[in-house]
């Protein structure tokens, strides 16, 4: 690992994830503090990840967090609760490695949606 590269197992500090519907699915508390002028500084922002991919990943990797299981259940009912996602983002600290895996899960889902084969 180069010195300029982050440790893949370190939590991503000051992370915002904006989904493909342009809604904040991770880091809403940080976003609110910034909007109120209570928090300043550099933010790591990821845009375009589906809320579905994030929920599936979090439910799989953090099954002991009840809100992650609840979000997965709601997703199975066709619902995304953004208030619940805000609670989850305060409890679950995503690492750089997690981000890579969430992106991969998102792009695999996108590929399946575009695959014309039965």
PDB file of N, CA and C in Angstrom:
ATOM      1  N   UNK A   1       0.841  -1.180   0.000  1.00  0.00           N
ATOM      2  CA  UNK A   1       0.000   0.000   0.000  1.00  0.00           C
ATOM      3  C   UNK A   1       0.884   1.240   0.000  1.00  0.00           C
ATOM      4  N   UNK A   2       0.558   2.165  -0.859  1.00  0.00           N
ATOM      5  CA  UNK A   2       1.274   3.441  -0.894  1.00  0.00           C
ATOM      6  C   UNK A   2       0.836   4.303   0.278  1.00  0.00           C
ATOM      7  N   UNK A   3       1.710   5.221   0.662  1.00  0.00           N
ATOM      8  CA  UNK A   3       1.368   6.095   1.779  1.00  0.00           C
ATOM      9  C   UNK A   3       0.159   6.967   1.477  1.00  0.00           C
ATOM     10  N   UNK A   4      -0.050   7.315   0.206  1.00  0.00           N
ATOM     11  CA  UNK A   4      -1.164   8.184  -0.147  1.00  0.00           C
ATOM     12  C   UNK A   4      -2.505   7.441  -0.179  1.00  0.00           C
ATOM     13  N   UNK A   5      -2.474   6.113  -0.212  1.00  0.00           N
ATOM     14  CA  UNK A   5      -3.703   5.334  -0.256  1.00  0.00           C
ATOM     15  C   UNK A   5      -4.228   5.110   1.160  1.00  0.00           C
ATOM     16  N   UNK A   6      -5.549   5.165   1.325  1.00  0.00           N
ATOM     17  CA  UNK A   6      -6.106   4.902   2.655  1.00  0.00           C
ATOM     18  C   UNK A   6      -6.048   3.416   2.976  1.00  0.00           C
ATOM     19  N   UNK A   7      -6.026   3.095   4.246  1.00  0.00           N
ATOM     20  CA  UNK A   7      -6.110   1.711   4.693  1.00  0.00           C
ATOM     21  C   UNK A   7      -7.527   1.239   4.383  1.00  0.00           C
ATOM     22  N   UNK A   8      -7.647   0.179   3.616  1.00  0.00           N
ATOM     23  CA  UNK A   8      -8.958  -0.284   3.163  1.00  0.00           C
ATOM     24  C   UNK A   8      -9.860  -0.721   4.315  1.00  0.00           C
ATOM     25  N   UNK A   9      -9.289  -0.972   5.479  1.00  0.00           N
ATOM     26  CA  UNK A   9     -10.078  -1.431   6.615  1.00  0.00           C
ATOM     27  C   UNK A   9     -10.393  -0.311   7.601  1.00  0.00           C
ATOM     28  N   UNK A  10      -9.992   0.901   7.262  1.00  0.00           N
ATOM     29  CA  UNK A  10     -10.314   2.061   8.092  1.00  0.00           C
ATOM     30  C   UNK A  10     -11.691   2.584   7.709  1.00  0.00           C
ATOM     31  N   UNK A  11     -12.477   3.006   8.687  1.00  0.00           N
ATOM     32  CA  UNK A  11     -13.769   3.614   8.346  1.00  0.00           C
ATOM     33  C   UNK A  11     -13.560   4.876   7.510  1.00  0.00           C
ATOM     34  N   UNK A  12     -14.468   5.096   6.584  1.00  0.00           N
ATOM     35  CA  UNK A  12     -14.432   6.306   5.765  1.00  0.00           C
ATOM     36  C   UNK A  12     -15.029   7.420   6.616  1.00  0.00           C
ATOM     37  N   UNK A  13     -14.214   8.382   6.962  1.00  0.00           N
ATOM     38  CA  UNK A  13     -14.733   9.470   7.789  1.00  0.00           C
ATOM     39  C   UNK A  13     -15.495  10.459   6.926  1.00  0.00           C
ATOM     40  N   UNK A  14     -16.518  11.031   7.512  1.00  0.00           N
ATOM     41  CA  UNK A  14     -17.294  12.081   6.860  1.00  0.00           C
ATOM     42  C   UNK A  14     -17.819  11.610   5.505  1.00  0.00           C
ATOM     43  N   UNK A  15     -18.530  10.484   5.523  1.00  0.00           N
ATOM     44  CA  UNK A  15     -19.018   9.851   4.305  1.00  0.00           C
ATOM     45  C   UNK A  15     -20.486  10.185   4.059  1.00  0.00           C
ATOM     46  N   UNK A  16     -20.770  10.563   2.821  1.00  0.00           N
ATOM     47  CA  UNK A  16     -22.142  10.719   2.341  1.00  0.00           C
ATOM     48  C   UNK A  16     -22.324   9.779   1.156  1.00  0.00           C
ATOM     49  N   UNK A  17     -23.413   9.021   1.165  1.00  0.00           N
ATOM     50  CA  UNK A  17     -23.765   8.212   0.003  1.00  0.00           C
ATOM     51  C   UNK A  17     -25.123   8.716  -0.479  1.00  0.00           C
ATOM     52  N   UNK A  18     -25.137   9.180  -1.713  1.00  0.00           N
ATOM     53  CA  UNK A  18     -26.351   9.671  -2.358  1.00  0.00           C
ATOM     54  C   UNK A  18     -26.760   8.618  -3.375  1.00  0.00           C
ATOM     55  N   UNK A  19     -27.992   8.127  -3.260  1.00  0.00           N
ATOM     56  CA  UNK A  19     -28.400   7.018  -4.126  1.00  0.00           C
ATOM     57  C   UNK A  19     -28.740   7.482  -5.537  1.00  0.00           C
ATOM     58  N   UNK A  20     -29.104   6.538  -6.358  1.00  0.00           N
ATOM     59  CA  UNK A  20     -29.411   6.831  -7.757  1.00  0.00           C
ATOM     60  C   UNK A  20     -30.736   7.565  -7.925  1.00  0.00           C
ATOM     61  N   UNK A  21     -31.473   7.768  -6.825  1.00  0.00           N
ATOM     62  CA  UNK A  21     -32.687   8.595  -6.839  1.00  0.00           C
ATOM     63  C   UNK A  21     -32.391   9.975  -6.237  1.00  0.00           C
ATOM     64  N   UNK A  22     -31.102  10.263  -6.028  1.00  0.00           N
ATOM     65  CA  UNK A  22     -30.626  11.548  -5.505  1.00  0.00           C
ATOM     66  C   UNK A  22     -31.062  11.799  -4.057  1.00  0.00           C
ATOM     67  N   UNK A  23     -31.175  10.716  -3.272  1.00  0.00           N
ATOM     68  CA  UNK A  23     -31.526  10.804  -1.856  1.00  0.00           C
ATOM     69  C   UNK A  23     -30.333  10.350  -1.029  1.00  0.00           C
ATOM     70  N   UNK A  24     -30.157  10.951   0.126  1.00  0.00           N
ATOM     71  CA  UNK A  24     -29.071  10.578   1.024  1.00  0.00           C
ATOM     72  C   UNK A  24     -29.434   9.279   1.742  1.00  0.00           C
ATOM     73  N   UNK A  25     -28.639   8.232   1.504  1.00  0.00           N
ATOM     74  CA  UNK A  25     -28.892   6.940   2.144  1.00  0.00           C
ATOM     75  C   UNK A  25     -27.861   6.606   3.209  1.00  0.00           C
ATOM     76  N   UNK A  26     -26.833   7.421   3.319  1.00  0.00           N
ATOM     77  CA  UNK A  26     -25.827   7.216   4.369  1.00  0.00           C
ATOM     78  C   UNK A  26     -25.209   8.575   4.691  1.00  0.00           C
ATOM     79  N   UNK A  27     -25.209   8.910   5.976  1.00  0.00           N
ATOM     80  CA  UNK A  27     -24.569  10.149   6.403  1.00  0.00           C
ATOM     81  C   UNK A  27     -25.499  11.342   6.516  1.00  0.00           C
ATOM     82  N   UNK A  28     -26.790  11.076   6.664  1.00  0.00           N
ATOM     83  CA  UNK A  28     -27.734  12.199   6.721  1.00  0.00           C
ATOM     84  C   UNK A  28     -27.480  13.106   7.919  1.00  0.00           C
ATOM     85  N   UNK A  29     -27.053  12.541   9.039  1.00  0.00           N
ATOM     86  CA  UNK A  29     -26.734  13.368  10.206  1.00  0.00           C
ATOM     87  C   UNK A  29     -25.620  14.348   9.888  1.00  0.00           C
ATOM     88  N   UNK A  30     -24.591  13.881   9.198  1.00  0.00           N
ATOM     89  CA  UNK A  30     -23.495  14.749   8.764  1.00  0.00           C
ATOM     90  C   UNK A  30     -24.015  15.824   7.824  1.00  0.00           C
ATOM     91  N   UNK A  31     -24.845  15.435   6.883  1.00  0.00           N
ATOM     92  CA  UNK A  31     -25.410  16.385   5.927  1.00  0.00           C
ATOM     93  C   UNK A  31     -26.234  17.464   6.640  1.00  0.00           C
ATOM     94  N   UNK A  32     -27.010  17.070   7.639  1.00  0.00           N
ATOM     95  CA  UNK A  32     -27.806  18.038   8.405  1.00  0.00           C
ATOM     96  C   UNK A  32     -26.907  18.998   9.180  1.00  0.00           C
ATOM     97  N   UNK A  33     -25.840  18.466   9.791  1.00  0.00           N
ATOM     98  CA  UNK A  33     -24.906  19.335  10.533  1.00  0.00           C
ATOM     99  C   UNK A  33     -24.223  20.327   9.592  1.00  0.00           C
ATOM    100  N   UNK A  34     -23.874  19.883   8.407  1.00  0.00           N
ATOM    101  CA  UNK A  34     -23.258  20.781   7.419  1.00  0.00           C
ATOM    102  C   UNK A  34     -24.253  21.868   7.016  1.00  0.00           C
ATOM    103  N   UNK A  35     -25.491  21.474   6.749  1.00  0.00           N
ATOM    104  CA  UNK A  35     -26.515  22.433   6.330  1.00  0.00           C
ATOM    105  C   UNK A  35     -26.779  23.484   7.410  1.00  0.00           C
ATOM    106  N   UNK A  36     -26.656  23.083   8.668  1.00  0.00           N
ATOM    107  CA  UNK A  36     -26.870  24.013   9.778  1.00  0.00           C
ATOM    108  C   UNK A  36     -25.623  24.837  10.097  1.00  0.00           C
ATOM    109  N   UNK A  37     -24.528  24.576   9.396  1.00  0.00           N
ATOM    110  CA  UNK A  37     -23.294  25.312   9.628  1.00  0.00           C
ATOM    111  C   UNK A  37     -22.524  24.853  10.848  1.00  0.00           C
ATOM    112  N   UNK A  38     -22.876  23.684  11.382  1.00  0.00           N
ATOM    113  CA  UNK A  38     -22.217  23.152  12.581  1.00  0.00           C
ATOM    114  C   UNK A  38     -21.035  22.263  12.267  1.00  0.00           C
ATOM    115  N   UNK A  39     -20.867  21.932  11.019  1.00  0.00           N
ATOM    116  CA  UNK A  39     -19.801  21.007  10.628  1.00  0.00           C
ATOM    117  C   UNK A  39     -19.215  21.484   9.312  1.00  0.00           C
ATOM    118  N   UNK A  40     -17.906  21.617   9.296  1.00  0.00           N
ATOM    119  CA  UNK A  40     -17.227  22.053   8.079  1.00  0.00           C
ATOM    120  C   UNK A  40     -16.063  21.111   7.823  1.00  0.00           C
ATOM    121  N   UNK A  41     -15.637  21.088   6.608  1.00  0.00           N
ATOM    122  CA  UNK A  41     -14.499  20.248   6.268  1.00  0.00           C
ATOM    123  C   UNK A  41     -14.800  19.386   5.066  1.00  0.00           C
ATOM    124  N   UNK A  42     -13.801  18.656   4.686  1.00  0.00           N
ATOM    125  CA  UNK A  42     -13.886  17.808   3.512  1.00  0.00           C
ATOM    126  C   UNK A  42     -14.821  16.625   3.759  1.00  0.00           C
ATOM    127  N   UNK A  43     -15.604  16.298   2.752  1.00  0.00           N
ATOM    128  CA  UNK A  43     -16.560  15.197   2.821  1.00  0.00           C
ATOM    129  C   UNK A  43     -16.247  14.211   1.707  1.00  0.00           C
ATOM    130  N   UNK A  44     -16.308  12.939   2.025  1.00  0.00           N
ATOM    131  CA  UNK A  44     -16.169  11.890   1.013  1.00  0.00           C
ATOM    132  C   UNK A  44     -17.587  11.583   0.536  1.00  0.00           C
ATOM    133  N   UNK A  45     -17.888  11.932  -0.717  1.00  0.00           N
ATOM    134  CA  UNK A  45     -19.235  11.793  -1.260  1.00  0.00           C
ATOM    135  C   UNK A  45     -19.243  10.756  -2.376  1.00  0.00           C
ATOM    136  N   UNK A  46     -20.154   9.813  -2.277  1.00  0.00           N
ATOM    137  CA  UNK A  46     -20.341   8.786  -3.294  1.00  0.00           C
ATOM    138  C   UNK A  46     -21.754   8.960  -3.839  1.00  0.00           C
ATOM    139  N   UNK A  47     -21.873   9.097  -5.144  1.00  0.00           N
ATOM    140  CA  UNK A  47     -23.168   9.359  -5.775  1.00  0.00           C
ATOM    141  C   UNK A  47     -23.519   8.229  -6.740  1.00  0.00           C
ATOM    142  N   UNK A  48     -24.789   7.841  -6.739  1.00  0.00           N
ATOM    143  CA  UNK A  48     -25.278   6.904  -7.746  1.00  0.00           C
ATOM    144  C   UNK A  48     -25.381   5.463  -7.318  1.00  0.00           C
ATOM    145  N   UNK A  49     -25.061   5.159  -6.069  1.00  0.00           N
ATOM    146  CA  UNK A  49     -25.204   3.785  -5.583  1.00  0.00           C
ATOM    147  C   UNK A  49     -26.669   3.561  -5.240  1.00  0.00           C
ATOM    148  N   UNK A  50     -27.231   2.459  -5.669  1.00  0.00           N
ATOM    149  CA  UNK A  50     -28.643   2.211  -5.368  1.00  0.00           C
ATOM    150  C   UNK A  50     -28.822   1.945  -3.879  1.00  0.00           C
ATOM    151  N   UNK A  51     -29.924   2.437  -3.355  1.00  0.00           N
ATOM    152  CA  UNK A  51     -30.251   2.180  -1.947  1.00  0.00           C
ATOM    153  C   UNK A  51     -30.393   0.678  -1.718  1.00  0.00           C
ATOM    154  N   UNK A  52     -30.903  -0.022  -2.709  1.00  0.00           N
ATOM    155  CA  UNK A  52     -31.086  -1.459  -2.600  1.00  0.00           C
ATOM    156  C   UNK A  52     -29.759  -2.177  -2.370  1.00  0.00           C
ATOM    157  N   UNK A  53     -28.738  -1.817  -3.147  1.00  0.00           N
ATOM    158  CA  UNK A  53     -27.421  -2.448  -2.993  1.00  0.00           C
ATOM    159  C   UNK A  53     -26.854  -2.159  -1.606  1.00  0.00           C
ATOM    160  N   UNK A  54     -26.984  -0.931  -1.141  1.00  0.00           N
ATOM    161  CA  UNK A  54     -26.478  -0.574   0.186  1.00  0.00           C
ATOM    162  C   UNK A  54     -27.206  -1.366   1.264  1.00  0.00           C
ATOM    163  N   UNK A  55     -28.523  -1.446   1.177  1.00  0.00           N
ATOM    164  CA  UNK A  55     -29.302  -2.164   2.185  1.00  0.00           C
ATOM    165  C   UNK A  55     -28.941  -3.642   2.221  1.00  0.00           C
ATOM    166  N   UNK A  56     -28.849  -4.265   1.064  1.00  0.00           N
ATOM    167  CA  UNK A  56     -28.496  -5.692   1.012  1.00  0.00           C
ATOM    168  C   UNK A  56     -27.114  -5.918   1.616  1.00  0.00           C
ATOM    169  N   UNK A  57     -26.172  -5.073   1.263  1.00  0.00           N
ATOM    170  CA  UNK A  57     -24.816  -5.216   1.799  1.00  0.00           C
ATOM    171  C   UNK A  57     -24.804  -5.048   3.317  1.00  0.00           C
ATOM    172  N   UNK A  58     -25.425  -3.989   3.800  1.00  0.00           N
ATOM    173  CA  UNK A  58     -25.416  -3.731   5.240  1.00  0.00           C
ATOM    174  C   UNK A  58     -26.113  -4.838   6.022  1.00  0.00           C
ATOM    175  N   UNK A  59     -27.230  -5.339   5.502  1.00  0.00           N
ATOM    176  CA  UNK A  59     -27.951  -6.412   6.187  1.00  0.00           C
ATOM    177  C   UNK A  59     -27.125  -7.688   6.237  1.00  0.00           C
ATOM    178  N   UNK A  60     -26.344  -7.915   5.192  1.00  0.00           N
ATOM    179  CA  UNK A  60     -25.493  -9.108   5.160  1.00  0.00           C
ATOM    180  C   UNK A  60     -24.292  -8.967   6.095  1.00  0.00           C
ATOM    181  N   UNK A  61     -23.649  -7.815   6.093  1.00  0.00           N
ATOM    182  CA  UNK A  61     -22.419  -7.643   6.869  1.00  0.00           C
ATOM    183  C   UNK A  61     -22.644  -7.176   8.309  1.00  0.00           C
ATOM    184  N   UNK A  62     -23.799  -6.642   8.614  1.00  0.00           N
ATOM    185  CA  UNK A  62     -24.107  -6.206   9.978  1.00  0.00           C
ATOM    186  C   UNK A  62     -25.454  -6.777  10.430  1.00  0.00           C
ATOM    187  N   UNK A  63     -25.588  -8.112  10.454  1.00  0.00           N
ATOM    188  CA  UNK A  63     -26.872  -8.713  10.833  1.00  0.00           C
ATOM    189  C   UNK A  63     -27.237  -8.476  12.298  1.00  0.00           C
ATOM    190  N   UNK A  64     -26.246  -8.112  13.109  1.00  0.00           N
ATOM    191  CA  UNK A  64     -26.511  -7.856  14.522  1.00  0.00           C
ATOM    192  C   UNK A  64     -27.095  -6.467  14.772  1.00  0.00           C
ATOM    193  N   UNK A  65     -27.160  -5.626  13.744  1.00  0.00           N
ATOM    194  CA  UNK A  65     -27.771  -4.299  13.869  1.00  0.00           C
ATOM    195  C   UNK A  65     -29.229  -4.440  13.431  1.00  0.00           C
ATOM    196  N   UNK A  66     -30.160  -4.353  14.390  1.00  0.00           N
ATOM    197  CA  UNK A  66     -31.570  -4.609  14.056  1.00  0.00           C
ATOM    198  C   UNK A  66     -32.109  -3.710  12.949  1.00  0.00           C
ATOM    199  N   UNK A  67     -31.638  -2.489  12.875  1.00  0.00           N
ATOM    200  CA  UNK A  67     -32.115  -1.577  11.838  1.00  0.00           C
ATOM    201  C   UNK A  67     -31.726  -2.051  10.439  1.00  0.00           C
ATOM    202  N   UNK A  68     -30.588  -2.728  10.330  1.00  0.00           N
ATOM    203  CA  UNK A  68     -30.176  -3.274   9.026  1.00  0.00           C
ATOM    204  C   UNK A  68     -31.137  -4.380   8.591  1.00  0.00           C
ATOM    205  N   UNK A  69     -31.499  -5.248   9.533  1.00  0.00           N
ATOM    206  CA  UNK A  69     -32.464  -6.307   9.216  1.00  0.00           C
ATOM    207  C   UNK A  69     -33.828  -5.717   8.878  1.00  0.00           C
ATOM    208  N   UNK A  70     -34.225  -4.670   9.608  1.00  0.00           N
ATOM    209  CA  UNK A  70     -35.511  -4.026   9.333  1.00  0.00           C
ATOM    210  C   UNK A  70     -35.517  -3.387   7.940  1.00  0.00           C
ATOM    211  N   UNK A  71     -34.415  -2.727   7.584  1.00  0.00           N
ATOM    212  CA  UNK A  71     -34.319  -2.103   6.254  1.00  0.00           C
ATOM    213  C   UNK A  71     -34.426  -3.163   5.162  1.00  0.00           C
ATOM    214  N   UNK A  72     -33.810  -4.323   5.370  1.00  0.00           N
ATOM    215  CA  UNK A  72     -33.887  -5.411   4.389  1.00  0.00           C
ATOM    216  C   UNK A  72     -35.316  -5.932   4.287  1.00  0.00           C
ATOM    217  N   UNK A  73     -35.996  -6.074   5.418  1.00  0.00           N
ATOM    218  CA  UNK A  73     -37.384  -6.532   5.395  1.00  0.00           C
ATOM    219  C   UNK A  73     -38.249  -5.529   4.634  1.00  0.00           C
ATOM    220  N   UNK A  74     -38.072  -4.235   4.921  1.00  0.00           N
ATOM    221  CA  UNK A  74     -38.835  -3.208   4.212  1.00  0.00           C
ATOM    222  C   UNK A  74     -38.546  -3.251   2.707  1.00  0.00           C
ATOM    223  N   UNK A  75     -37.280  -3.467   2.361  1.00  0.00           N
ATOM    224  CA  UNK A  75     -36.919  -3.566   0.946  1.00  0.00           C
ATOM    225  C   UNK A  75     -37.638  -4.743   0.290  1.00  0.00           C
ATOM    226  N   UNK A  76     -37.755  -5.850   1.011  1.00  0.00           N
ATOM    227  CA  UNK A  76     -38.474  -7.008   0.458  1.00  0.00           C
ATOM    228  C   UNK A  76     -39.955  -6.690   0.230  1.00  0.00           C
ATOM    229  N   UNK A  77     -40.458  -5.662   0.915  1.00  0.00           N
ATOM    230  CA  UNK A  77     -41.833  -5.198   0.739  1.00  0.00           C
ATOM    231  C   UNK A  77     -41.921  -4.068  -0.281  1.00  0.00           C
ATOM    232  N   UNK A  78     -40.777  -3.741  -0.907  1.00  0.00           N
ATOM    233  CA  UNK A  78     -40.736  -2.701  -1.925  1.00  0.00           C
ATOM    234  C   UNK A  78     -40.616  -1.289  -1.369  1.00  0.00           C
ATOM    235  N   UNK A  79     -40.154  -1.169  -0.116  1.00  0.00           N
ATOM    236  CA  UNK A  79     -40.068   0.135   0.535  1.00  0.00           C
ATOM    237  C   UNK A  79     -38.643   0.452   0.953  1.00  0.00           C
ATOM    238  N   UNK A  80     -38.307   1.732   0.923  1.00  0.00           N
ATOM    239  CA  UNK A  80     -37.034   2.224   1.453  1.00  0.00           C
ATOM    240  C   UNK A  80     -37.374   3.326   2.448  1.00  0.00           C
ATOM    241  N   UNK A  81     -36.956   3.142   3.680  1.00  0.00           N
ATOM    242  CA  UNK A  81     -37.221   4.122   4.725  1.00  0.00           C
ATOM    243  C   UNK A  81     -35.941   4.938   4.939  1.00  0.00           C
ATOM    244  N   UNK A  82     -35.932   6.167   4.449  1.00  0.00           N
ATOM    245  CA  UNK A  82     -34.732   7.000   4.516  1.00  0.00           C
ATOM    246  C   UNK A  82     -34.425   7.452   5.941  1.00  0.00           C
ATOM    247  N   UNK A  83     -35.444   7.558   6.786  1.00  0.00           N
ATOM    248  CA  UNK A  83     -35.191   7.875   8.197  1.00  0.00           C
ATOM    249  C   UNK A  83     -34.456   6.717   8.863  1.00  0.00           C
ATOM    250  N   UNK A  84     -34.843   5.510   8.536  1.00  0.00           N
ATOM    251  CA  UNK A  84     -34.169   4.328   9.062  1.00  0.00           C
ATOM    252  C   UNK A  84     -32.729   4.267   8.555  1.00  0.00           C
ATOM    253  N   UNK A  85     -32.509   4.630   7.304  1.00  0.00           N
ATOM    254  CA  UNK A  85     -31.157   4.646   6.749  1.00  0.00           C
ATOM    255  C   UNK A  85     -30.275   5.650   7.502  1.00  0.00           C
ATOM    256  N   UNK A  86     -30.861   6.764   7.945  1.00  0.00           N
ATOM    257  CA  UNK A  86     -30.108   7.754   8.724  1.00  0.00           C
ATOM    258  C   UNK A  86     -29.678   7.153  10.054  1.00  0.00           C
ATOM    259  N   UNK A  87     -30.551   6.392  10.691  1.00  0.00           N
ATOM    260  CA  UNK A  87     -30.211   5.729  11.958  1.00  0.00           C
ATOM    261  C   UNK A  87     -29.084   4.724  11.725  1.00  0.00           C
ATOM    262  N   UNK A  88     -29.203   3.954  10.661  1.00  0.00           N
ATOM    263  CA  UNK A  88     -28.180   2.951  10.342  1.00  0.00           C
ATOM    264  C   UNK A  88     -26.819   3.609  10.141  1.00  0.00           C
ATOM    265  N   UNK A  89     -26.787   4.737   9.446  1.00  0.00           N
ATOM    266  CA  UNK A  89     -25.502   5.372   9.157  1.00  0.00           C
ATOM    267  C   UNK A  89     -24.832   5.911  10.411  1.00  0.00           C
ATOM    268  N   UNK A  90     -25.583   6.099  11.484  1.00  0.00           N
ATOM    269  CA  UNK A  90     -24.984   6.512  12.760  1.00  0.00           C
ATOM    270  C   UNK A  90     -24.424   5.304  13.516  1.00  0.00           C
ATOM    271  N   UNK A  91     -24.920   4.103  13.199  1.00  0.00           N
ATOM    272  CA  UNK A  91     -24.510   2.891  13.908  1.00  0.00           C
ATOM    273  C   UNK A  91     -23.452   2.075  13.179  1.00  0.00           C
ATOM    274  N   UNK A  92     -23.446   2.149  11.863  1.00  0.00           N
ATOM    275  CA  UNK A  92     -22.560   1.324  11.037  1.00  0.00           C
ATOM    276  C   UNK A  92     -21.505   2.223  10.399  1.00  0.00           C
ATOM    277  N   UNK A  93     -20.259   1.870  10.587  1.00  0.00           N
ATOM    278  CA  UNK A  93     -19.166   2.669  10.029  1.00  0.00           C
ATOM    279  C   UNK A  93     -18.546   1.930   8.850  1.00  0.00           C
ATOM    280  N   UNK A  94     -18.809   2.450   7.664  1.00  0.00           N
ATOM    281  CA  UNK A  94     -18.385   1.834   6.408  1.00  0.00           C
ATOM    282  C   UNK A  94     -16.891   2.097   6.175  1.00  0.00           C
ATOM    283  N   UNK A  95     -16.173   1.054   5.766  1.00  0.00           N
ATOM    284  CA  UNK A  95     -14.751   1.182   5.455  1.00  0.00           C
ATOM    285  C   UNK A  95     -14.578   1.382   3.949  1.00  0.00           C
ATOM    286  N   UNK A  96     -13.348   1.665   3.543  1.00  0.00           N
ATOM    287  CA  UNK A  96     -13.055   1.806   2.112  1.00  0.00           C
ATOM    288  C   UNK A  96     -13.309   0.482   1.388  1.00  0.00           C
ATOM    289  N   UNK A  97     -12.986  -0.624   2.024  1.00  0.00           N
ATOM    290  CA  UNK A  97     -13.242  -1.939   1.439  1.00  0.00           C
ATOM    291  C   UNK A  97     -14.749  -2.166   1.290  1.00  0.00           C
ATOM    292  N   UNK A  98     -15.519  -1.774   2.300  1.00  0.00           N
ATOM    293  CA  UNK A  98     -16.975  -1.885   2.199  1.00  0.00           C
ATOM    294  C   UNK A  98     -17.493  -1.100   0.998  1.00  0.00           C
ATOM    295  N   UNK A  99     -16.988   0.104   0.829  1.00  0.00           N
ATOM    296  CA  UNK A  99     -17.431   0.937  -0.297  1.00  0.00           C
ATOM    297  C   UNK A  99     -17.181   0.248  -1.630  1.00  0.00           C
ATOM    298  N   UNK A 100     -16.011  -0.361  -1.770  1.00  0.00           N
ATOM    299  CA  UNK A 100     -15.706  -1.075  -3.012  1.00  0.00           C
ATOM    300  C   UNK A 100     -16.690  -2.216  -3.235  1.00  0.00           C
ATOM    301  N   UNK A 101     -16.999  -2.946  -2.168  1.00  0.00           N
ATOM    302  CA  UNK A 101     -17.914  -4.074  -2.294  1.00  0.00           C
ATOM    303  C   UNK A 101     -19.348  -3.614  -2.573  1.00  0.00           C
ATOM    304  N   UNK A 102     -19.752  -2.495  -1.969  1.00  0.00           N
ATOM    305  CA  UNK A 102     -21.085  -1.946  -2.229  1.00  0.00           C
ATOM    306  C   UNK A 102     -21.189  -1.516  -3.688  1.00  0.00           C
ATOM    307  N   UNK A 103     -20.144  -0.872  -4.197  1.00  0.00           N
ATOM    308  CA  UNK A 103     -20.139  -0.472  -5.620  1.00  0.00           C
ATOM    309  C   UNK A 103     -20.236  -1.686  -6.528  1.00  0.00           C
ATOM    310  N   UNK A 104     -19.481  -2.730  -6.197  1.00  0.00           N
ATOM    311  CA  UNK A 104     -19.515  -3.945  -7.008  1.00  0.00           C
ATOM    312  C   UNK A 104     -20.914  -4.562  -6.999  1.00  0.00           C
ATOM    313  N   UNK A 105     -21.534  -4.614  -5.834  1.00  0.00           N
ATOM    314  CA  UNK A 105     -22.889  -5.148  -5.727  1.00  0.00           C
ATOM    315  C   UNK A 105     -23.862  -4.303  -6.547  1.00  0.00           C
ATOM    316  N   UNK A 106     -23.708  -2.995  -6.489  1.00  0.00           N
ATOM    317  CA  UNK A 106     -24.556  -2.094  -7.271  1.00  0.00           C
ATOM    318  C   UNK A 106     -24.398  -2.361  -8.764  1.00  0.00           C
ATOM    319  N   UNK A 107     -23.157  -2.445  -9.235  1.00  0.00           N
ATOM    320  CA  UNK A 107     -22.936  -2.625 -10.672  1.00  0.00           C
ATOM    321  C   UNK A 107     -23.352  -4.005 -11.141  1.00  0.00           C
ATOM    322  N   UNK A 108     -23.227  -5.014 -10.288  1.00  0.00           N
ATOM    323  CA  UNK A 108     -23.739  -6.339 -10.662  1.00  0.00           C
ATOM    324  C   UNK A 108     -25.253  -6.292 -10.822  1.00  0.00           C
ATOM    325  N   UNK A 109     -25.930  -5.560  -9.937  1.00  0.00           N
ATOM    326  CA  UNK A 109     -27.378  -5.395 -10.046  1.00  0.00           C
ATOM    327  C   UNK A 109     -27.760  -4.647 -11.302  1.00  0.00           C
ATOM    328  N   UNK A 110     -26.995  -3.631 -11.661  1.00  0.00           N
ATOM    329  CA  UNK A 110     -27.278  -2.865 -12.877  1.00  0.00           C
ATOM    330  C   UNK A 110     -27.096  -3.739 -14.108  1.00  0.00           C
ATOM    331  N   UNK A 111     -26.087  -4.592 -14.094  1.00  0.00           N
ATOM    332  CA  UNK A 111     -25.831  -5.481 -15.223  1.00  0.00           C
ATOM    333  C   UNK A 111     -26.988  -6.452 -15.395  1.00  0.00           C
ATOM    334  N   UNK A 112     -27.503  -6.965 -14.285  1.00  0.00           N
ATOM    335  CA  UNK A 112     -28.633  -7.904 -14.369  1.00  0.00           C
ATOM    336  C   UNK A 112     -29.870  -7.235 -14.933  1.00  0.00           C
ATOM    337  N   UNK A 113     -30.092  -5.960 -14.580  1.00  0.00           N
ATOM    338  CA  UNK A 113     -31.259  -5.238 -15.088  1.00  0.00           C
ATOM    339  C   UNK A 113     -31.173  -5.032 -16.603  1.00  0.00           C
ATOM    340  N   UNK A 114     -29.956  -4.902 -17.124  1.00  0.00           N
ATOM    341  CA  UNK A 114     -29.765  -4.634 -18.544  1.00  0.00           C
ATOM    342  C   UNK A 114     -29.629  -5.897 -19.384  1.00  0.00           C
ATOM    343  N   UNK A 115     -29.477  -7.063 -18.734  1.00  0.00           N
ATOM    344  CA  UNK A 115     -29.272  -8.327 -19.447  1.00  0.00           C
ATOM    345  C   UNK A 115     -30.599  -8.741 -20.105  1.00  0.00           C
ATOM    346  N   UNK A 116     -30.653  -8.804 -21.462  1.00  0.00           N
ATOM    347  CA  UNK A 116     -31.896  -9.142 -22.165  1.00  0.00           C
ATOM    348  C   UNK A 116     -32.215 -10.640 -22.167  1.00  0.00           C
ATOM    349  N   UNK A 117     -31.284 -11.480 -21.727  1.00  0.00           N
ATOM    350  CA  UNK A 117     -31.535 -12.926 -21.781  1.00  0.00           C
ATOM    351  C   UNK A 117     -32.542 -13.324 -20.700  1.00  0.00           C
ATOM    352  N   UNK A 118     -33.339 -14.374 -20.965  1.00  0.00           N
ATOM    353  CA  UNK A 118     -34.376 -14.808 -19.999  1.00  0.00           C
ATOM    354  C   UNK A 118     -33.811 -15.448 -18.769  1.00  0.00           C
TER     355      UNK A 118
END
